[in-house]
Amino acid sequence: MSDISVIPTRSALLRRSFRKTFPAAVRGEGVYVWDGGGKRYLDFAGSAAVNFIGHGVREIGAVMAEQAKQLEFVHSSQFTTPVAEEYAQELLEFAGKNFSGGGVYFTSGGSEAIEAALKLARQYQVEIGQGRRFQMISRGQSYHGSTLGALAVSGNKRRREMYLPMVREFAHVAFPYCYRCAYDCTDGCRNCGQEYAADLEKAIEAAQGQAAAFIVEPVSGATLGAVVPPPGYLRSVADTCRRHGVLLIADEVMTGMGRTGRNFAVEHGEIAPDILVAAKGLSSGYAPLGTVIATKRVVDAIAEGSGVFMHGFTYNSHPISVAAGRGVLKVLQRDNLVRAADGSREGSAAALLRVALEKLRGVNAVGDVRGIGLLWGVEFVADKASKKPFPPELNFAGRVGQAAAKRGLMVYPMQGCVDGVAGDHLLIAPPAVITSEEIGWAAETLGEAIAEAARSIA
């Protein structure tokens, strides 16, 4: 009898890596996933910051099945559906007054949503008579998706390098990263935030009237590992965009839908983007789903202009995926999960997570612990005093991930946070239903995994 706990190294499925074996996941419930051999894993990464409401919520499967019984699919060039219309209105309300009267465009995931947002920004400029504007400015050490358009605005060196000959290059501006800041941080990083924000002004001026939009992660995702911007930074870049007629796109694929303790992370910076992109937590992984949420000003430009958004995917507004997203939003609101992710609330899951992870600062290989809400990063260093990273070929983060998985803990290891090649960190993003006991066990187990990884290279 074959062992179904592990998929064979070489299978018919073209997987992400041929150099590792993958457990076969067969069941999920709450913060846990089980493999085919019965081993239980605590999903401390929320499956790459996707799952927010927890695994195995049966009512989501039920609403998907009910929608499938009624109508599985229609093409959006021919029909709309009640579930898409109703969910779009609910999302506008969830996004807040800045998007009142705006519009929602559903896709099958984050990369598609970013692609749609970039095209929407370009078409907006054309519709208002600014046809020279096409350049999309973004930040270095960012990540916005895997399609060629999304890669063009991403700064993740490892994921871009092979495809650069196929990518249209735009300006990438400097980014605040307080643990490795190039400026004076003695004032709590407010000054350095303004220094970095000024780089956007320079890039827009260098574009000579061709800048269409600036895309930014309100809190850095996988590439830097939950780097929270300095006070005033987001407000400054928003003001700069407004002065120059450049649209502001907030990439909330990872941070949206409650992950940081607000409906969307832009609320921490008190800014009002023109376009907001969400995915991951939008459906909490129950179905492929992403969205572009645009303000009334952006939507009106097209509605009152050409009247046609020149873009589309076969599966945008897919009824079953949209039904899943609508069900997730209902659970999220009913169970007060955004409050659970609010680290300023004493006793919340986020507050408990912060305290537990901060204890890791005493571990020799840990250089920094940073984050907000239920999105945290742990950066590793070979030397605390100099902040020297481990040699990339050691793949220290990967070693920690393997040691953690052996103990039944799933984390999200990444490399390249220092310069695109060097620098190891983990992303921690558990479902909001995680308990105090589970947080305590996960943090302690992570500490053991880090210690084991350090011993393996000693």
Protein backbone atom coordinates (compact mmCIF):
# COMPACT_ATOMS: atom_id res chain seq x y z
CA MET A 1 0.00 0.00 0.00
CA SER A 2 1.43 3.38 -1.00
CA ASP A 3 2.17 6.13 1.51
CA ILE A 4 -0.21 8.99 0.74
CA SER A 5 1.39 11.35 3.27
CA VAL A 6 4.01 12.48 0.73
CA ILE A 7 3.65 13.12 -3.01
CA PRO A 8 6.42 11.34 -5.00
CA THR A 9 9.42 13.53 -5.91
CA ARG A 10 8.58 13.29 -9.61
CA SER A 11 4.90 13.35 -10.47
CA ALA A 12 2.70 14.38 -13.35
CA LEU A 13 2.10 17.66 -11.52
CA LEU A 14 4.59 20.38 -12.46
CA ARG A 15 5.26 21.63 -8.96
CA ARG A 16 7.16 24.66 -7.67
CA SER A 17 10.25 22.67 -6.85
CA PHE A 18 11.82 19.40 -7.93
CA ARG A 19 14.28 19.62 -5.03
CA LYS A 20 11.95 18.97 -2.14
CA THR A 21 9.17 16.60 -1.22
CA PHE A 22 5.76 17.95 -0.37
CA PRO A 23 3.33 16.50 2.17
CA ALA A 24 -0.06 15.71 0.68
CA ALA A 25 -2.56 17.95 2.48
CA VAL A 26 -5.93 16.24 2.87
CA ARG A 27 -7.87 18.15 5.51
CA GLY A 28 -7.99 21.49 7.29
CA GLU A 29 -9.74 22.86 10.35
CA GLY A 30 -9.16 26.11 12.21
CA VAL A 31 -5.43 26.84 12.20
CA TYR A 32 -4.50 23.24 11.37
CA VAL A 33 -3.83 21.21 8.22
CA TRP A 34 -3.41 17.41 8.19
CA ASP A 35 -1.42 15.38 5.68
CA GLY A 36 -2.33 11.95 4.34
CA GLY A 37 -0.33 10.21 7.04
CA GLY A 38 -2.29 11.90 9.81
CA LYS A 39 0.39 14.43 10.80
CA ARG A 40 -1.00 17.78 11.97
CA TYR A 41 0.57 21.13 11.08
CA LEU A 42 -0.22 24.50 12.64
CA ASP A 43 -0.54 26.94 9.74
CA PHE A 44 1.41 29.84 11.28
CA ALA A 45 1.74 31.48 7.84
CA GLY A 46 -1.92 31.30 6.88
CA SER A 47 -0.83 29.48 3.72
CA ALA A 48 1.23 32.46 2.45
CA ALA A 49 -0.95 35.05 4.24
CA VAL A 50 -4.06 33.76 2.50
CA ASN A 51 -6.23 32.11 5.13
CA PHE A 52 -7.73 34.60 7.58
CA ILE A 53 -10.99 33.02 8.75
CA GLY A 54 -9.52 29.56 9.39
CA HIS A 55 -9.56 26.28 7.49
CA GLY A 56 -12.61 24.09 7.14
CA VAL A 57 -15.39 26.64 7.67
CA ARG A 58 -18.24 24.55 6.34
CA GLU A 59 -20.63 27.35 5.56
CA ILE A 60 -18.24 28.64 2.87
CA GLY A 61 -18.34 25.29 1.12
CA ALA A 62 -22.11 25.31 1.48
CA VAL A 63 -22.59 28.70 -0.20
CA MET A 64 -20.24 27.65 -3.00
CA ALA A 65 -22.19 24.45 -3.54
CA GLU A 66 -25.50 26.31 -3.50
CA GLN A 67 -24.24 28.77 -6.11
CA ALA A 68 -22.96 25.89 -8.26
CA LYS A 69 -26.40 24.27 -8.14
CA GLN A 70 -28.04 27.48 -9.36
CA LEU A 71 -25.47 28.75 -11.85
CA GLU A 72 -21.84 27.74 -12.25
CA PHE A 73 -20.65 30.30 -14.84
CA VAL A 74 -21.63 32.97 -17.32
CA HIS A 75 -19.32 35.24 -19.27
CA SER A 76 -19.19 38.82 -18.02
CA SER A 77 -19.50 40.19 -21.58
CA GLN A 78 -22.99 38.69 -21.73
CA PHE A 79 -24.41 38.64 -18.19
CA THR A 80 -24.04 39.98 -14.71
CA THR A 81 -25.13 37.94 -11.68
CA PRO A 82 -26.98 38.86 -8.49
CA VAL A 83 -24.20 37.45 -6.30
CA ALA A 84 -21.55 39.61 -8.00
CA GLU A 85 -23.69 42.74 -7.84
CA GLU A 86 -24.52 42.29 -4.17
CA TYR A 87 -20.99 41.38 -3.14
CA ALA A 88 -19.54 44.34 -5.03
CA GLN A 89 -21.78 46.74 -3.09
CA GLU A 90 -20.84 45.08 0.19
CA LEU A 91 -17.14 45.42 -0.64
CA LEU A 92 -17.51 49.12 -1.47
CA GLU A 93 -19.07 49.63 1.95
CA PHE A 94 -16.32 47.55 3.60
CA ALA A 95 -13.67 49.64 1.85
CA GLY A 96 -15.10 52.84 3.33
CA LYS A 97 -16.40 56.24 2.25
CA ASN A 98 -13.43 56.92 -0.05
CA PHE A 99 -14.88 54.34 -2.44
CA SER A 100 -18.52 55.39 -2.17
CA GLY A 101 -20.04 55.37 -5.64
CA GLY A 102 -17.01 53.59 -7.05
CA GLY A 103 -16.71 50.22 -8.73
CA VAL A 104 -15.44 46.71 -8.09
CA TYR A 105 -13.82 44.44 -10.68
CA PHE A 106 -13.43 40.75 -9.74
CA THR A 107 -10.56 38.56 -10.97
CA SER A 108 -9.23 35.10 -10.21
CA GLY A 109 -6.38 36.25 -7.96
CA GLY A 110 -3.88 38.91 -6.97
CA SER A 111 -1.67 38.95 -10.06
CA GLU A 112 -4.69 39.29 -12.33
CA ALA A 113 -6.03 42.06 -10.12
CA ILE A 114 -2.74 43.99 -10.26
CA GLU A 115 -2.69 43.60 -14.05
CA ALA A 116 -6.24 44.97 -14.20
CA ALA A 117 -5.37 47.87 -11.88
CA LEU A 118 -2.40 48.91 -14.03
CA LYS A 119 -4.53 48.89 -17.16
CA LEU A 120 -7.30 50.77 -15.37
CA ALA A 121 -4.85 53.48 -14.32
CA ARG A 122 -3.58 53.84 -17.87
CA GLN A 123 -7.07 54.00 -19.34
CA TYR A 124 -8.14 56.57 -16.76
CA GLN A 125 -5.34 58.88 -17.89
CA VAL A 126 -6.30 58.40 -21.54
CA GLU A 127 -9.98 59.07 -20.80
CA ILE A 128 -9.22 62.41 -19.12
CA GLY A 129 -6.99 63.54 -21.97
CA GLN A 130 -3.65 62.58 -20.44
CA GLY A 131 -2.61 60.08 -23.10
CA ARG A 132 1.11 60.70 -22.54
CA ARG A 133 0.85 59.13 -19.10
CA PHE A 134 1.72 55.43 -19.13
CA GLN A 135 4.63 54.91 -16.74
CA MET A 136 3.94 52.92 -13.59
CA ILE A 137 6.26 53.84 -10.72
CA SER A 138 6.82 51.35 -7.91
CA ARG A 139 9.29 50.64 -5.10
CA GLY A 140 12.43 48.56 -5.07
CA GLN A 141 12.16 45.33 -3.04
CA SER A 142 8.43 45.11 -3.67
CA TYR A 143 6.33 42.30 -5.05
CA HIS A 144 3.10 42.77 -6.96
CA GLY A 145 2.55 39.51 -8.81
CA SER A 146 3.78 37.03 -11.39
CA THR A 147 2.23 38.17 -14.67
CA LEU A 148 4.60 40.15 -16.89
CA GLY A 149 2.80 43.42 -16.13
CA ALA A 150 2.89 42.77 -12.41
CA LEU A 151 6.56 41.77 -12.62
CA ALA A 152 7.32 45.03 -14.40
CA VAL A 153 6.29 46.96 -11.30
CA SER A 154 7.76 44.46 -8.83
CA GLY A 155 11.17 44.92 -7.27
CA ASN A 156 11.74 41.33 -6.18
CA LYS A 157 15.07 40.51 -7.86
CA ARG A 158 14.83 36.74 -7.54
CA ARG A 159 11.41 36.54 -9.15
CA ARG A 160 12.18 39.06 -11.92
CA GLU A 161 15.71 38.27 -13.05
CA MET A 162 15.01 35.46 -15.52
CA TYR A 163 12.18 37.34 -17.20
CA LEU A 164 13.74 40.80 -17.50
CA PRO A 165 14.20 40.57 -21.29
CA MET A 166 10.41 40.19 -21.53
CA VAL A 167 9.53 42.98 -19.10
CA ARG A 168 8.86 46.67 -19.75
CA GLU A 169 10.94 48.52 -17.17
CA PHE A 170 9.71 51.52 -15.19
CA ALA A 171 11.22 53.47 -12.30
CA HIS A 172 11.62 51.76 -8.93
CA VAL A 173 12.06 54.23 -6.08
CA ALA A 174 13.78 53.80 -2.73
CA PHE A 175 11.81 52.25 0.12
CA PRO A 176 11.76 52.69 3.90
CA TYR A 177 13.21 49.71 5.76
CA CYS A 178 14.00 50.97 9.24
CA TYR A 179 16.06 47.96 10.35
CA ARG A 180 18.51 48.76 7.54
CA CYS A 181 17.80 52.45 7.07
CA ALA A 182 20.16 54.65 5.05
CA TYR A 183 19.10 57.75 6.99
CA ASP A 184 19.01 59.04 10.56
CA CYS A 185 16.36 57.12 12.50
CA THR A 186 16.83 58.79 15.89
CA ASP A 187 13.46 60.53 15.59
CA GLY A 188 11.47 57.32 15.34
CA CYS A 189 12.02 57.16 11.58
CA ARG A 190 9.76 60.09 10.74
CA ASN A 191 12.59 61.95 9.03
CA CYS A 192 13.75 58.93 7.03
CA GLY A 193 10.17 58.38 5.88
CA GLN A 194 10.17 61.84 4.36
CA GLU A 195 13.54 61.21 2.74
CA TYR A 196 12.21 58.10 1.05
CA ALA A 197 8.98 59.83 0.08
CA ALA A 198 11.02 62.53 -1.65
CA ASP A 199 12.41 59.88 -3.99
CA LEU A 200 8.94 59.49 -5.49
CA GLU A 201 8.82 63.22 -6.26
CA LYS A 202 12.11 62.90 -8.13
CA ALA A 203 10.91 59.89 -10.11
CA ILE A 204 7.70 61.62 -11.15
CA GLU A 205 9.63 64.69 -12.28
CA ALA A 206 12.09 62.48 -14.20
CA ALA A 207 9.15 60.89 -16.02
CA GLN A 208 8.48 64.29 -17.65
CA GLY A 209 4.71 64.12 -17.54
CA GLN A 210 4.46 60.43 -18.42
CA ALA A 211 3.82 59.00 -14.94
CA ALA A 212 0.35 57.44 -14.73
CA ALA A 213 0.36 55.77 -11.31
CA PHE A 214 2.41 54.85 -8.26
CA ILE A 215 1.78 51.41 -6.79
CA VAL A 216 2.70 50.68 -3.18
CA GLU A 217 2.24 47.97 -0.57
CA PRO A 218 1.02 49.83 2.57
CA VAL A 219 2.93 47.20 4.56
CA SER A 220 5.59 45.24 2.70
CA GLY A 221 4.67 41.64 2.03
CA ALA A 222 6.83 38.62 1.30
CA THR A 223 9.81 40.43 -0.26
CA LEU A 224 10.78 42.44 2.83
CA GLY A 225 8.75 40.62 5.45
CA ALA A 226 6.10 42.84 7.07
CA VAL A 227 8.04 46.11 7.03
CA VAL A 228 5.73 48.81 8.40
CA PRO A 229 6.37 52.27 6.88
CA PRO A 230 7.55 55.13 9.11
CA PRO A 231 4.96 57.63 10.40
CA GLY A 232 3.93 60.11 7.73
CA TYR A 233 5.45 58.21 4.80
CA LEU A 234 2.20 57.07 3.19
CA ARG A 235 0.60 60.46 3.68
CA SER A 236 3.55 62.12 1.95
CA VAL A 237 3.53 59.82 -1.09
CA ALA A 238 -0.25 60.23 -1.38
CA ASP A 239 0.12 64.02 -1.35
CA THR A 240 2.87 63.80 -3.97
CA CYS A 241 0.69 61.72 -6.27
CA ARG A 242 -2.22 64.10 -5.90
CA ARG A 243 -0.12 67.17 -6.71
CA HIS A 244 1.22 65.60 -9.88
CA GLY A 245 -1.97 64.01 -11.20
CA VAL A 246 -0.59 60.51 -10.61
CA LEU A 247 -3.00 57.83 -9.43
CA LEU A 248 -2.19 56.01 -6.18
CA ILE A 249 -2.66 52.24 -6.30
CA ALA A 250 -2.62 50.42 -2.95
CA ASP A 251 -1.60 46.79 -3.31
CA GLU A 252 -3.46 45.12 -0.44
CA VAL A 253 -3.34 41.61 -1.86
CA MET A 254 -1.65 40.48 1.36
CA THR A 255 -2.64 43.21 3.84
CA GLY A 256 -6.31 43.70 3.00
CA MET A 257 -9.48 42.20 4.43
CA GLY A 258 -8.54 42.67 8.08
CA ARG A 259 -5.03 41.20 8.16
CA THR A 260 -3.46 44.27 9.83
CA GLY A 261 -6.28 45.01 12.25
CA ARG A 262 -8.12 47.39 9.94
CA ASN A 263 -10.38 46.56 7.01
CA PHE A 264 -7.50 47.71 4.81
CA ALA A 265 -3.97 48.70 5.81
CA VAL A 266 -4.24 52.16 4.19
CA GLU A 267 -6.43 53.10 7.13
CA HIS A 268 -3.35 53.04 9.39
CA GLY A 269 -1.77 55.73 7.22
CA GLU A 270 -5.05 57.61 6.84
CA ILE A 271 -4.72 57.81 3.06
CA ALA A 272 -7.31 57.50 0.32
CA PRO A 273 -5.95 55.62 -2.71
CA ASP A 274 -7.56 55.93 -6.12
CA ILE A 275 -7.38 52.19 -6.71
CA LEU A 276 -7.15 49.40 -4.14
CA VAL A 277 -6.28 45.79 -4.95
CA ALA A 278 -7.20 42.85 -2.73
CA ALA A 279 -6.97 39.06 -3.01
CA LYS A 280 -5.68 36.32 -0.66
CA GLY A 281 -7.84 37.09 2.40
CA LEU A 282 -10.66 38.18 0.09
CA SER A 283 -11.73 34.54 -0.23
CA SER A 284 -9.41 33.25 2.53
CA GLY A 285 -8.26 30.65 0.03
CA TYR A 286 -11.64 28.97 -0.39
CA ALA A 287 -11.69 29.90 -4.09
CA PRO A 288 -9.42 31.79 -6.52
CA LEU A 289 -10.47 35.43 -6.15
CA GLY A 290 -9.04 38.92 -6.44
CA THR A 291 -10.52 42.37 -6.83
CA VAL A 292 -9.83 45.90 -7.97
CA ILE A 293 -11.75 48.57 -6.09
CA ALA A 294 -11.79 51.98 -7.78
CA THR A 295 -13.04 55.37 -6.64
CA LYS A 296 -16.00 57.11 -8.23
CA ARG A 297 -13.62 59.54 -9.97
CA VAL A 298 -11.80 56.72 -11.75
CA VAL A 299 -14.98 54.86 -12.68
CA ASP A 300 -16.74 58.02 -13.88
CA ALA A 301 -13.88 58.86 -16.22
CA ILE A 302 -14.56 55.67 -18.16
CA ALA A 303 -18.34 55.58 -17.72
CA GLU A 304 -18.68 59.14 -19.01
CA GLY A 305 -15.91 58.74 -21.59
CA SER A 306 -15.51 55.75 -23.88
CA GLY A 307 -17.92 53.72 -21.75
CA VAL A 308 -15.86 50.54 -22.05
CA PHE A 309 -13.04 49.20 -19.87
CA MET A 310 -10.67 47.73 -22.47
CA HIS A 311 -9.67 44.69 -20.45
CA GLY A 312 -11.10 41.37 -19.39
CA PHE A 313 -10.48 37.81 -18.20
CA THR A 314 -12.70 34.84 -18.98
CA TYR A 315 -13.24 34.11 -15.32
CA ASN A 316 -13.67 37.57 -13.85
CA SER A 317 -16.71 37.72 -11.56
CA HIS A 318 -16.90 33.92 -11.53
CA PRO A 319 -20.14 33.19 -9.64
CA ILE A 320 -18.78 30.41 -7.41
CA SER A 321 -15.63 32.32 -6.47
CA VAL A 322 -17.65 35.46 -5.79
CA ALA A 323 -20.06 33.46 -3.64
CA ALA A 324 -17.09 32.19 -1.64
CA GLY A 325 -15.78 35.71 -1.15
CA ARG A 326 -19.16 36.96 -0.05
CA GLY A 327 -19.41 34.13 2.45
CA VAL A 328 -15.94 34.92 3.81
CA LEU A 329 -16.84 38.58 4.29
CA LYS A 330 -19.95 37.55 6.21
CA VAL A 331 -17.92 35.29 8.53
CA LEU A 332 -15.20 37.91 8.94
CA GLN A 333 -17.72 40.54 10.05
CA ARG A 334 -19.96 38.26 12.12
CA ASP A 335 -17.04 36.86 14.12
CA ASN A 336 -15.28 40.22 14.59
CA LEU A 337 -12.07 38.92 13.03
CA VAL A 338 -10.74 42.36 12.15
CA ARG A 339 -10.79 43.14 15.88
CA ALA A 340 -8.91 39.91 16.54
CA ALA A 341 -6.18 41.20 14.21
CA ASP A 342 -5.97 44.59 15.96
CA GLY A 343 -2.74 44.58 17.95
CA SER A 344 -3.77 47.66 19.92
CA ARG A 345 -6.57 45.71 21.60
CA GLU A 346 -5.37 44.04 24.78
CA GLY A 347 -5.86 40.29 24.70
CA SER A 348 -6.49 40.13 20.95
CA ALA A 349 -4.83 37.42 18.89
CA ALA A 350 -2.64 40.10 17.30
CA ALA A 351 -1.52 41.51 20.65
CA LEU A 352 -0.67 38.05 21.94
CA LEU A 353 1.21 37.24 18.74
CA ARG A 354 3.29 40.42 19.03
CA VAL A 355 4.33 39.60 22.59
CA ALA A 356 5.18 36.00 21.72
CA LEU A 357 7.26 36.91 18.66
CA GLU A 358 9.10 39.73 20.43
CA LYS A 359 10.62 37.10 22.72
CA LEU A 360 12.49 35.74 19.71
CA ARG A 361 14.72 38.84 19.70
CA GLY A 362 16.85 37.09 22.29
CA VAL A 363 17.67 34.25 19.89
CA ASN A 364 21.20 34.60 18.47
CA ALA A 365 20.25 34.31 14.78
CA VAL A 366 17.30 36.74 15.01
CA GLY A 367 18.12 40.28 13.92
CA ASP A 368 14.68 41.87 13.74
CA VAL A 369 11.06 41.14 14.57
CA ARG A 370 8.60 43.50 12.90
CA GLY A 371 5.03 43.72 11.79
CA ILE A 372 1.49 44.77 12.53
CA GLY A 373 -1.76 42.97 13.29
CA LEU A 374 -1.49 39.38 12.12
CA LEU A 375 1.32 40.04 9.62
CA TRP A 376 4.85 39.70 11.02
CA GLY A 377 8.38 39.16 9.79
CA VAL A 378 11.37 37.61 11.53
CA GLU A 379 14.70 38.51 9.91
CA PHE A 380 17.78 36.39 10.49
CA VAL A 381 21.38 37.59 10.69
CA ALA A 382 24.76 35.92 11.05
CA ASP A 383 25.90 38.72 13.37
CA LYS A 384 23.55 40.91 15.43
CA ALA A 385 25.97 43.81 15.92
CA SER A 386 26.77 44.35 12.24
CA LYS A 387 23.43 42.99 10.94
CA LYS A 388 25.44 40.87 8.53
CA PRO A 389 23.15 38.44 6.70
CA PHE A 390 23.83 34.76 6.25
CA PRO A 391 25.45 33.74 2.94
CA PRO A 392 22.55 33.18 0.48
CA GLU A 393 23.75 29.71 -0.46
CA LEU A 394 23.08 28.52 3.10
CA ASN A 395 19.36 29.28 2.67
CA PHE A 396 19.01 29.84 6.40
CA ALA A 397 15.32 30.75 6.19
CA GLY A 398 14.65 27.54 4.28
CA ARG A 399 16.46 25.56 6.96
CA VAL A 400 14.28 27.14 9.62
CA GLY A 401 11.19 26.33 7.56
CA GLN A 402 12.21 22.68 7.24
CA ALA A 403 13.00 22.38 10.94
CA ALA A 404 9.63 23.95 11.79
CA ALA A 405 7.68 21.70 9.41
CA LYS A 406 9.36 18.66 10.99
CA ARG A 407 7.83 19.83 14.28
CA GLY A 408 4.39 20.39 12.75
CA LEU A 409 4.66 24.16 12.23
CA MET A 410 4.26 25.82 8.83
CA VAL A 411 5.96 29.19 8.20
CA TYR A 412 6.77 31.15 5.01
CA PRO A 413 10.55 31.35 4.39
CA MET A 414 11.97 33.96 2.01
CA GLN A 415 15.38 35.21 0.88
CA GLY A 416 16.70 38.47 -0.57
CA CYS A 417 15.37 41.07 1.87
CA VAL A 418 18.74 42.87 2.13
CA ASP A 419 19.61 43.40 -1.54
CA GLY A 420 17.46 41.04 -3.55
CA VAL A 421 19.85 38.11 -3.07
CA ALA A 422 21.17 38.14 0.51
CA GLY A 423 18.96 38.28 3.57
CA ASP A 424 16.74 35.63 5.14
CA HIS A 425 13.39 36.08 6.83
CA LEU A 426 10.12 34.36 7.65
CA LEU A 427 6.63 35.70 7.16
CA ILE A 428 4.18 34.92 9.97
CA ALA A 429 0.48 35.39 9.18
CA PRO A 430 -1.80 32.97 11.04
CA PRO A 431 -5.58 32.81 10.69
CA ALA A 432 -7.39 35.23 13.00
CA VAL A 433 -9.00 32.34 14.87
CA ILE A 434 -5.68 31.32 16.43
CA THR A 435 -5.80 30.97 20.23
CA SER A 436 -3.42 32.05 22.96
CA GLU A 437 -2.30 28.45 23.53
CA GLU A 438 -1.66 27.92 19.84
CA ILE A 439 0.34 31.15 19.60
CA GLY A 440 2.46 30.16 22.57
CA TRP A 441 3.21 26.70 21.18
CA ALA A 442 3.97 28.07 17.70
CA ALA A 443 6.38 30.74 18.97
CA GLU A 444 8.20 28.27 21.22
CA THR A 445 8.43 25.73 18.40
CA LEU A 446 9.71 28.39 16.01
CA GLY A 447 12.46 29.23 18.49
CA GLU A 448 13.47 25.56 18.56
CA ALA A 449 13.50 25.42 14.75
CA ILE A 450 15.74 28.51 14.55
CA ALA A 451 18.15 26.95 17.04
CA GLU A 452 18.28 23.74 15.02
CA ALA A 453 18.95 25.66 11.79
CA ALA A 454 21.78 27.54 13.49
CA ARG A 455 23.33 24.26 14.69
CA SER A 456 23.15 22.84 11.18
CA ILE A 457 25.56 25.47 9.83
CA ALA A 458 27.83 25.75 12.86
